[in-house]
N, C-alpha and C. Protein backbone atom coordinates (compact mmCIF):
# COMPACT_ATOMS: atom_id res chain seq x y z
N MET A 1 -14.13 -34.68 -19.04
CA MET A 1 -13.89 -33.26 -19.13
C MET A 1 -13.05 -32.98 -20.38
N THR A 2 -13.37 -31.93 -21.08
CA THR A 2 -12.66 -31.54 -22.28
C THR A 2 -11.48 -30.65 -21.91
N THR A 3 -10.36 -30.86 -22.57
CA THR A 3 -9.19 -30.01 -22.36
C THR A 3 -9.16 -28.90 -23.41
N LEU A 4 -8.33 -27.92 -23.17
CA LEU A 4 -8.14 -26.84 -24.13
C LEU A 4 -7.65 -27.42 -25.46
N GLU A 5 -6.74 -28.36 -25.39
CA GLU A 5 -6.20 -28.97 -26.60
C GLU A 5 -7.29 -29.70 -27.39
N GLN A 6 -8.18 -30.41 -26.70
CA GLN A 6 -9.27 -31.12 -27.38
C GLN A 6 -10.24 -30.14 -28.03
N ALA A 7 -10.55 -29.06 -27.33
CA ALA A 7 -11.47 -28.06 -27.88
C ALA A 7 -10.86 -27.45 -29.14
N TRP A 8 -9.62 -27.03 -29.06
CA TRP A 8 -8.98 -26.38 -30.21
C TRP A 8 -8.80 -27.35 -31.37
N ALA A 9 -8.57 -28.63 -31.07
CA ALA A 9 -8.35 -29.62 -32.12
C ALA A 9 -9.52 -29.69 -33.10
N LEU A 10 -10.71 -29.31 -32.67
CA LEU A 10 -11.86 -29.29 -33.59
C LEU A 10 -11.61 -28.36 -34.77
N SER A 11 -10.79 -27.34 -34.57
CA SER A 11 -10.55 -26.35 -35.62
C SER A 11 -9.20 -26.52 -36.31
N ARG A 12 -8.45 -27.53 -35.92
CA ARG A 12 -7.08 -27.71 -36.44
C ARG A 12 -7.04 -27.70 -37.97
N GLU A 13 -7.94 -28.41 -38.61
CA GLU A 13 -7.93 -28.52 -40.06
C GLU A 13 -8.38 -27.24 -40.76
N ASP A 14 -8.90 -26.30 -40.00
CA ASP A 14 -9.42 -25.05 -40.57
C ASP A 14 -8.67 -23.84 -40.01
N HIS A 15 -7.37 -23.97 -39.81
CA HIS A 15 -6.50 -22.89 -39.34
C HIS A 15 -6.96 -22.26 -38.03
N GLY A 16 -7.51 -23.09 -37.14
CA GLY A 16 -7.91 -22.59 -35.83
C GLY A 16 -9.10 -21.66 -35.85
N LEU A 17 -9.89 -21.67 -36.92
CA LEU A 17 -11.03 -20.75 -36.99
C LEU A 17 -12.00 -21.00 -35.85
N ALA A 18 -12.43 -19.92 -35.23
CA ALA A 18 -13.36 -19.99 -34.10
C ALA A 18 -14.19 -18.72 -34.07
N ILE A 19 -15.33 -18.81 -33.43
CA ILE A 19 -16.19 -17.65 -33.20
C ILE A 19 -15.89 -17.11 -31.81
N VAL A 20 -15.51 -15.84 -31.76
CA VAL A 20 -15.23 -15.17 -30.48
C VAL A 20 -16.40 -14.24 -30.18
N SER A 21 -16.94 -14.37 -28.97
CA SER A 21 -18.06 -13.52 -28.55
C SER A 21 -17.63 -12.66 -27.37
N THR A 22 -17.87 -11.36 -27.50
CA THR A 22 -17.57 -10.39 -26.45
C THR A 22 -18.86 -9.65 -26.10
N ALA A 23 -18.83 -8.92 -25.00
CA ALA A 23 -20.01 -8.17 -24.56
C ALA A 23 -19.85 -6.69 -24.90
N ARG A 24 -20.89 -6.14 -25.51
CA ARG A 24 -20.94 -4.70 -25.77
C ARG A 24 -21.34 -3.96 -24.50
N ALA A 25 -21.20 -2.66 -24.50
CA ALA A 25 -21.55 -1.84 -23.34
C ALA A 25 -23.02 -1.97 -22.96
N ASP A 26 -23.89 -2.20 -23.96
CA ASP A 26 -25.32 -2.32 -23.67
C ASP A 26 -25.71 -3.74 -23.23
N GLY A 27 -24.71 -4.63 -23.10
CA GLY A 27 -24.98 -6.00 -22.66
C GLY A 27 -25.25 -6.97 -23.80
N SER A 28 -25.41 -6.48 -25.01
CA SER A 28 -25.62 -7.39 -26.14
C SER A 28 -24.29 -8.06 -26.50
N VAL A 29 -24.36 -9.07 -27.34
CA VAL A 29 -23.18 -9.87 -27.69
C VAL A 29 -22.70 -9.49 -29.08
N GLN A 30 -21.39 -9.36 -29.22
CA GLN A 30 -20.74 -9.12 -30.51
C GLN A 30 -19.90 -10.35 -30.80
N SER A 31 -20.11 -10.98 -31.95
CA SER A 31 -19.36 -12.18 -32.32
C SER A 31 -18.61 -11.95 -33.62
N THR A 32 -17.47 -12.60 -33.73
CA THR A 32 -16.65 -12.47 -34.92
C THR A 32 -15.83 -13.73 -35.13
N LEU A 33 -15.37 -13.93 -36.35
CA LEU A 33 -14.56 -15.09 -36.70
C LEU A 33 -13.09 -14.71 -36.62
N VAL A 34 -12.29 -15.55 -35.94
CA VAL A 34 -10.85 -15.29 -35.81
C VAL A 34 -10.08 -16.60 -36.01
N ASN A 35 -8.79 -16.47 -36.30
CA ASN A 35 -7.89 -17.62 -36.30
C ASN A 35 -7.26 -17.71 -34.91
N THR A 36 -7.28 -18.88 -34.33
CA THR A 36 -6.74 -19.07 -32.98
C THR A 36 -5.60 -20.08 -33.01
N GLY A 37 -4.82 -20.05 -31.96
CA GLY A 37 -3.75 -21.02 -31.79
C GLY A 37 -3.51 -21.27 -30.32
N LEU A 38 -2.83 -22.36 -30.03
CA LEU A 38 -2.45 -22.69 -28.66
C LEU A 38 -0.96 -22.46 -28.50
N LEU A 39 -0.58 -21.87 -27.38
CA LEU A 39 0.83 -21.69 -27.08
C LEU A 39 1.01 -21.49 -25.58
N ALA A 40 2.24 -21.51 -25.16
CA ALA A 40 2.55 -21.24 -23.76
C ALA A 40 2.54 -19.73 -23.55
N HIS A 41 1.94 -19.29 -22.44
CA HIS A 41 1.94 -17.87 -22.12
C HIS A 41 3.39 -17.39 -22.04
N PRO A 42 3.71 -16.25 -22.65
CA PRO A 42 5.10 -15.79 -22.70
C PRO A 42 5.72 -15.52 -21.33
N ALA A 43 4.92 -15.23 -20.33
CA ALA A 43 5.47 -14.94 -19.00
C ALA A 43 5.37 -16.13 -18.06
N SER A 44 4.23 -16.80 -18.06
CA SER A 44 4.00 -17.87 -17.07
C SER A 44 4.28 -19.27 -17.60
N GLY A 45 4.24 -19.44 -18.91
CA GLY A 45 4.42 -20.76 -19.50
C GLY A 45 3.16 -21.61 -19.48
N VAL A 46 2.08 -21.12 -18.89
CA VAL A 46 0.81 -21.84 -18.83
C VAL A 46 0.18 -21.88 -20.23
N PRO A 47 -0.38 -23.01 -20.64
CA PRO A 47 -1.03 -23.07 -21.96
C PRO A 47 -2.21 -22.09 -22.05
N VAL A 48 -2.26 -21.35 -23.15
CA VAL A 48 -3.35 -20.40 -23.39
C VAL A 48 -3.85 -20.54 -24.81
N LEU A 49 -5.06 -20.10 -25.01
CA LEU A 49 -5.65 -19.94 -26.33
C LEU A 49 -5.34 -18.50 -26.73
N ALA A 50 -4.96 -18.29 -27.99
CA ALA A 50 -4.55 -16.95 -28.39
C ALA A 50 -5.05 -16.61 -29.79
N PHE A 51 -5.26 -15.32 -30.00
CA PHE A 51 -5.52 -14.79 -31.33
C PHE A 51 -5.01 -13.37 -31.38
N VAL A 52 -4.93 -12.82 -32.58
CA VAL A 52 -4.44 -11.46 -32.79
C VAL A 52 -5.59 -10.64 -33.34
N THR A 53 -5.71 -9.39 -32.85
CA THR A 53 -6.78 -8.54 -33.33
C THR A 53 -6.32 -7.09 -33.39
N TYR A 54 -7.16 -6.25 -33.97
CA TYR A 54 -6.90 -4.81 -34.04
C TYR A 54 -8.24 -4.12 -34.27
N GLY A 55 -8.22 -2.82 -34.24
CA GLY A 55 -9.44 -2.06 -34.47
C GLY A 55 -10.09 -1.63 -33.18
N LYS A 56 -11.29 -1.09 -33.30
CA LYS A 56 -11.95 -0.49 -32.15
C LYS A 56 -12.98 -1.38 -31.47
N ILE A 57 -13.73 -2.17 -32.22
CA ILE A 57 -14.89 -2.85 -31.65
C ILE A 57 -14.49 -3.96 -30.69
N LYS A 58 -13.85 -5.01 -31.19
CA LYS A 58 -13.52 -6.15 -30.34
C LYS A 58 -12.55 -5.73 -29.23
N LEU A 59 -11.53 -4.94 -29.58
CA LEU A 59 -10.58 -4.49 -28.56
C LEU A 59 -11.26 -3.60 -27.53
N GLY A 60 -12.12 -2.73 -27.97
CA GLY A 60 -12.85 -1.87 -27.03
C GLY A 60 -13.69 -2.69 -26.07
N ASN A 61 -14.39 -3.68 -26.62
CA ASN A 61 -15.18 -4.56 -25.76
C ASN A 61 -14.30 -5.29 -24.76
N LEU A 62 -13.18 -5.84 -25.22
CA LEU A 62 -12.30 -6.62 -24.34
C LEU A 62 -11.60 -5.75 -23.31
N ARG A 63 -11.27 -4.53 -23.66
CA ARG A 63 -10.65 -3.63 -22.67
C ARG A 63 -11.63 -3.30 -21.55
N ALA A 64 -12.87 -3.07 -21.90
CA ALA A 64 -13.88 -2.70 -20.90
C ALA A 64 -14.46 -3.91 -20.18
N ARG A 65 -14.61 -5.01 -20.90
CA ARG A 65 -15.24 -6.23 -20.37
C ARG A 65 -14.47 -7.42 -20.91
N PRO A 66 -13.41 -7.85 -20.22
CA PRO A 66 -12.50 -8.85 -20.78
C PRO A 66 -13.01 -10.29 -20.83
N ARG A 67 -14.18 -10.56 -20.27
CA ARG A 67 -14.72 -11.93 -20.35
C ARG A 67 -15.16 -12.20 -21.78
N LEU A 68 -14.90 -13.43 -22.25
CA LEU A 68 -15.28 -13.79 -23.60
C LEU A 68 -15.50 -15.29 -23.71
N ALA A 69 -16.13 -15.68 -24.80
CA ALA A 69 -16.35 -17.09 -25.11
C ALA A 69 -15.82 -17.32 -26.52
N VAL A 70 -15.17 -18.48 -26.71
CA VAL A 70 -14.63 -18.86 -28.00
C VAL A 70 -15.21 -20.23 -28.35
N ALA A 71 -15.91 -20.32 -29.48
CA ALA A 71 -16.58 -21.55 -29.87
C ALA A 71 -15.89 -22.17 -31.08
N PHE A 72 -15.63 -23.47 -30.98
CA PHE A 72 -15.02 -24.26 -32.04
C PHE A 72 -16.03 -25.28 -32.53
N ARG A 73 -15.96 -25.65 -33.82
CA ARG A 73 -16.85 -26.69 -34.32
C ARG A 73 -16.18 -27.49 -35.42
N ASN A 74 -16.65 -28.68 -35.55
CA ASN A 74 -16.27 -29.56 -36.65
C ASN A 74 -17.47 -30.45 -36.88
N GLY A 75 -18.20 -30.18 -37.96
CA GLY A 75 -19.46 -30.89 -38.17
C GLY A 75 -20.42 -30.55 -37.04
N TRP A 76 -21.00 -31.58 -36.42
CA TRP A 76 -21.95 -31.37 -35.33
C TRP A 76 -21.28 -31.37 -33.96
N ARG A 77 -19.97 -31.52 -33.94
CA ARG A 77 -19.24 -31.49 -32.67
C ARG A 77 -18.78 -30.06 -32.41
N TYR A 78 -18.87 -29.63 -31.18
CA TYR A 78 -18.38 -28.30 -30.84
C TYR A 78 -17.86 -28.29 -29.41
N ALA A 79 -17.11 -27.25 -29.11
CA ALA A 79 -16.64 -27.01 -27.75
C ALA A 79 -16.53 -25.50 -27.59
N THR A 80 -16.81 -25.03 -26.40
CA THR A 80 -16.71 -23.61 -26.08
C THR A 80 -15.72 -23.43 -24.95
N VAL A 81 -14.85 -22.44 -25.11
CA VAL A 81 -13.88 -22.07 -24.08
C VAL A 81 -14.28 -20.70 -23.57
N GLU A 82 -14.49 -20.58 -22.26
CA GLU A 82 -14.76 -19.29 -21.65
C GLU A 82 -13.57 -18.88 -20.81
N GLY A 83 -13.30 -17.59 -20.78
CA GLY A 83 -12.19 -17.10 -19.98
C GLY A 83 -12.15 -15.59 -19.98
N THR A 84 -11.04 -15.06 -19.50
CA THR A 84 -10.81 -13.63 -19.44
C THR A 84 -9.62 -13.30 -20.32
N ALA A 85 -9.79 -12.31 -21.17
CA ALA A 85 -8.74 -11.92 -22.10
C ALA A 85 -7.66 -11.12 -21.40
N GLU A 86 -6.43 -11.48 -21.67
CA GLU A 86 -5.28 -10.66 -21.29
C GLU A 86 -4.76 -10.07 -22.59
N LEU A 87 -4.73 -8.76 -22.69
CA LEU A 87 -4.32 -8.09 -23.91
C LEU A 87 -2.85 -7.69 -23.81
N ALA A 88 -2.13 -7.88 -24.90
CA ALA A 88 -0.71 -7.54 -24.95
C ALA A 88 -0.43 -6.91 -26.30
N GLY A 89 -0.17 -5.61 -26.29
CA GLY A 89 0.07 -4.93 -27.55
C GLY A 89 0.59 -3.53 -27.33
N PRO A 90 0.69 -2.76 -28.40
CA PRO A 90 1.25 -1.41 -28.29
C PRO A 90 0.42 -0.49 -27.40
N ASP A 91 -0.87 -0.76 -27.28
CA ASP A 91 -1.73 0.06 -26.43
C ASP A 91 -2.20 -0.69 -25.19
N ASP A 92 -1.63 -1.86 -24.96
CA ASP A 92 -2.01 -2.72 -23.84
C ASP A 92 -0.74 -3.29 -23.21
N ALA A 93 -0.07 -2.46 -22.44
CA ALA A 93 1.23 -2.81 -21.86
C ALA A 93 1.10 -3.95 -20.84
N GLN A 94 2.13 -4.77 -20.81
CA GLN A 94 2.28 -5.82 -19.81
C GLN A 94 3.70 -5.73 -19.27
N ASP A 95 3.89 -6.14 -18.01
CA ASP A 95 5.23 -6.10 -17.41
C ASP A 95 6.25 -6.87 -18.23
N TRP A 96 5.82 -7.96 -18.82
CA TRP A 96 6.71 -8.87 -19.53
C TRP A 96 6.86 -8.53 -21.01
N LEU A 97 6.23 -7.45 -21.46
CA LEU A 97 6.17 -7.14 -22.89
C LEU A 97 7.07 -5.97 -23.26
N ASP A 98 7.86 -6.17 -24.28
CA ASP A 98 8.59 -5.08 -24.92
C ASP A 98 8.37 -5.26 -26.43
N PRO A 99 8.79 -4.32 -27.25
CA PRO A 99 8.51 -4.43 -28.68
C PRO A 99 9.03 -5.72 -29.32
N GLU A 100 10.18 -6.19 -28.92
CA GLU A 100 10.72 -7.41 -29.51
C GLU A 100 9.90 -8.63 -29.08
N ARG A 101 9.53 -8.70 -27.81
CA ARG A 101 8.70 -9.82 -27.36
C ARG A 101 7.33 -9.79 -28.01
N LEU A 102 6.78 -8.60 -28.26
CA LEU A 102 5.50 -8.50 -28.96
C LEU A 102 5.65 -8.99 -30.39
N ARG A 103 6.70 -8.61 -31.07
CA ARG A 103 6.94 -9.05 -32.45
C ARG A 103 6.97 -10.58 -32.52
N VAL A 104 7.69 -11.20 -31.61
CA VAL A 104 7.81 -12.66 -31.59
C VAL A 104 6.47 -13.29 -31.21
N LEU A 105 5.78 -12.72 -30.24
CA LEU A 105 4.49 -13.26 -29.81
C LEU A 105 3.47 -13.24 -30.95
N LEU A 106 3.39 -12.15 -31.68
CA LEU A 106 2.44 -12.08 -32.80
C LEU A 106 2.76 -13.12 -33.87
N ARG A 107 4.03 -13.32 -34.14
CA ARG A 107 4.44 -14.38 -35.07
C ARG A 107 4.06 -15.77 -34.52
N ASP A 108 4.33 -15.97 -33.23
CA ASP A 108 4.04 -17.27 -32.62
C ASP A 108 2.55 -17.61 -32.69
N ILE A 109 1.70 -16.62 -32.44
CA ILE A 109 0.25 -16.86 -32.50
C ILE A 109 -0.16 -17.18 -33.93
N PHE A 110 0.34 -16.42 -34.88
CA PHE A 110 0.05 -16.66 -36.30
C PHE A 110 0.46 -18.08 -36.69
N SER A 111 1.65 -18.48 -36.30
CA SER A 111 2.15 -19.83 -36.61
C SER A 111 1.35 -20.90 -35.90
N ALA A 112 0.97 -20.66 -34.64
CA ALA A 112 0.19 -21.64 -33.87
C ALA A 112 -1.17 -21.88 -34.52
N ALA A 113 -1.67 -20.89 -35.23
CA ALA A 113 -2.95 -21.03 -35.93
C ALA A 113 -2.77 -21.68 -37.30
N GLY A 114 -1.55 -22.08 -37.61
CA GLY A 114 -1.29 -22.74 -38.89
C GLY A 114 -0.84 -21.81 -39.99
N GLY A 115 -0.59 -20.55 -39.64
CA GLY A 115 -0.18 -19.59 -40.65
C GLY A 115 1.29 -19.71 -41.02
N THR A 116 1.58 -19.39 -42.26
CA THR A 116 2.96 -19.30 -42.74
C THR A 116 3.09 -17.99 -43.51
N HIS A 117 4.30 -17.53 -43.67
CA HIS A 117 4.50 -16.26 -44.37
C HIS A 117 5.78 -16.31 -45.17
N ASP A 118 5.75 -15.73 -46.37
CA ASP A 118 6.93 -15.69 -47.24
C ASP A 118 7.84 -14.52 -46.92
N ASP A 119 7.31 -13.50 -46.23
CA ASP A 119 8.10 -12.30 -45.93
C ASP A 119 7.79 -11.84 -44.51
N TRP A 120 8.51 -12.39 -43.54
CA TRP A 120 8.25 -12.07 -42.13
C TRP A 120 8.49 -10.60 -41.82
N ASP A 121 9.41 -9.96 -42.51
CA ASP A 121 9.63 -8.53 -42.27
C ASP A 121 8.39 -7.72 -42.64
N ALA A 122 7.77 -8.06 -43.77
CA ALA A 122 6.53 -7.39 -44.18
C ALA A 122 5.42 -7.68 -43.17
N TYR A 123 5.35 -8.92 -42.70
CA TYR A 123 4.35 -9.28 -41.68
C TYR A 123 4.55 -8.41 -40.44
N ASP A 124 5.79 -8.31 -39.97
CA ASP A 124 6.09 -7.51 -38.78
C ASP A 124 5.69 -6.05 -38.98
N ARG A 125 5.98 -5.49 -40.15
CA ARG A 125 5.62 -4.09 -40.43
C ARG A 125 4.11 -3.90 -40.38
N THR A 126 3.36 -4.84 -40.96
CA THR A 126 1.90 -4.75 -40.93
C THR A 126 1.38 -4.80 -39.50
N MET A 127 1.93 -5.67 -38.69
CA MET A 127 1.50 -5.78 -37.30
C MET A 127 1.72 -4.47 -36.55
N VAL A 128 2.86 -3.82 -36.79
CA VAL A 128 3.16 -2.54 -36.15
C VAL A 128 2.25 -1.45 -36.70
N ASP A 129 2.12 -1.36 -38.02
CA ASP A 129 1.30 -0.32 -38.65
C ASP A 129 -0.16 -0.39 -38.21
N GLU A 130 -0.68 -1.61 -38.04
CA GLU A 130 -2.08 -1.79 -37.67
C GLU A 130 -2.28 -1.87 -36.15
N ARG A 131 -1.19 -1.74 -35.40
CA ARG A 131 -1.24 -1.76 -33.93
C ARG A 131 -1.92 -3.03 -33.42
N ARG A 132 -1.52 -4.15 -34.00
CA ARG A 132 -2.11 -5.44 -33.64
C ARG A 132 -1.83 -5.79 -32.19
N THR A 133 -2.78 -6.47 -31.59
CA THR A 133 -2.74 -6.83 -30.18
C THR A 133 -2.95 -8.33 -30.03
N ALA A 134 -2.16 -8.94 -29.17
CA ALA A 134 -2.32 -10.36 -28.84
C ALA A 134 -3.38 -10.48 -27.76
N VAL A 135 -4.27 -11.45 -27.93
CA VAL A 135 -5.29 -11.77 -26.93
C VAL A 135 -4.96 -13.16 -26.41
N LEU A 136 -4.68 -13.25 -25.11
CA LEU A 136 -4.31 -14.51 -24.48
C LEU A 136 -5.42 -14.89 -23.51
N ILE A 137 -5.88 -16.12 -23.59
CA ILE A 137 -7.01 -16.57 -22.78
C ILE A 137 -6.63 -17.83 -22.02
N GLN A 138 -6.62 -17.73 -20.71
CA GLN A 138 -6.47 -18.92 -19.88
C GLN A 138 -7.89 -19.39 -19.57
N PRO A 139 -8.24 -20.59 -20.01
CA PRO A 139 -9.63 -21.06 -19.85
C PRO A 139 -10.07 -21.14 -18.39
N GLN A 140 -11.30 -20.70 -18.17
CA GLN A 140 -11.92 -20.85 -16.86
C GLN A 140 -13.04 -21.89 -16.91
N ARG A 141 -13.55 -22.13 -18.10
CA ARG A 141 -14.60 -23.15 -18.29
C ARG A 141 -14.53 -23.64 -19.73
N ILE A 142 -14.64 -24.95 -19.91
CA ILE A 142 -14.69 -25.55 -21.24
C ILE A 142 -15.85 -26.52 -21.24
N TYR A 143 -16.72 -26.41 -22.22
CA TYR A 143 -17.81 -27.36 -22.30
C TYR A 143 -17.97 -27.84 -23.73
N PRO A 144 -18.20 -29.14 -23.86
CA PRO A 144 -18.16 -29.76 -25.19
C PRO A 144 -19.44 -30.47 -25.59
N THR A 145 -19.47 -30.83 -26.83
CA THR A 145 -20.25 -31.95 -27.35
C THR A 145 -19.32 -32.67 -28.31
N LEU A 146 -18.19 -33.10 -27.78
CA LEU A 146 -17.22 -33.83 -28.60
C LEU A 146 -17.75 -35.22 -28.81
């Protein structure tokens, strides 16, 4: 059986790049490329797969239909993580979330994906201005060809 860590490790050398697929209202699939990272859930401490997003399409899909699939690859090896998105952001309140915890969470996800920044204050301002949202996924199914 493949673990979340093994699945994500396929993308480690490529800043956690993965294809995220969500369902549109008409049942068709919308896929996009995102940077992902692994971290402990801020409230439960359970390991989760995470990425940051903004805008209308992916967030709209996830708000209405939170099930998603995240595919990782390295050469001919791949793994897919399926789960349900938990959204945490300025428009997606959580009991455990306040503005300071969101600021730290967005930084943590960025860093978990291998990101670095020369000006964290500018990064924080951009996250607020763009109303960025954290997407946390506790895997329900992982399948590989590792």
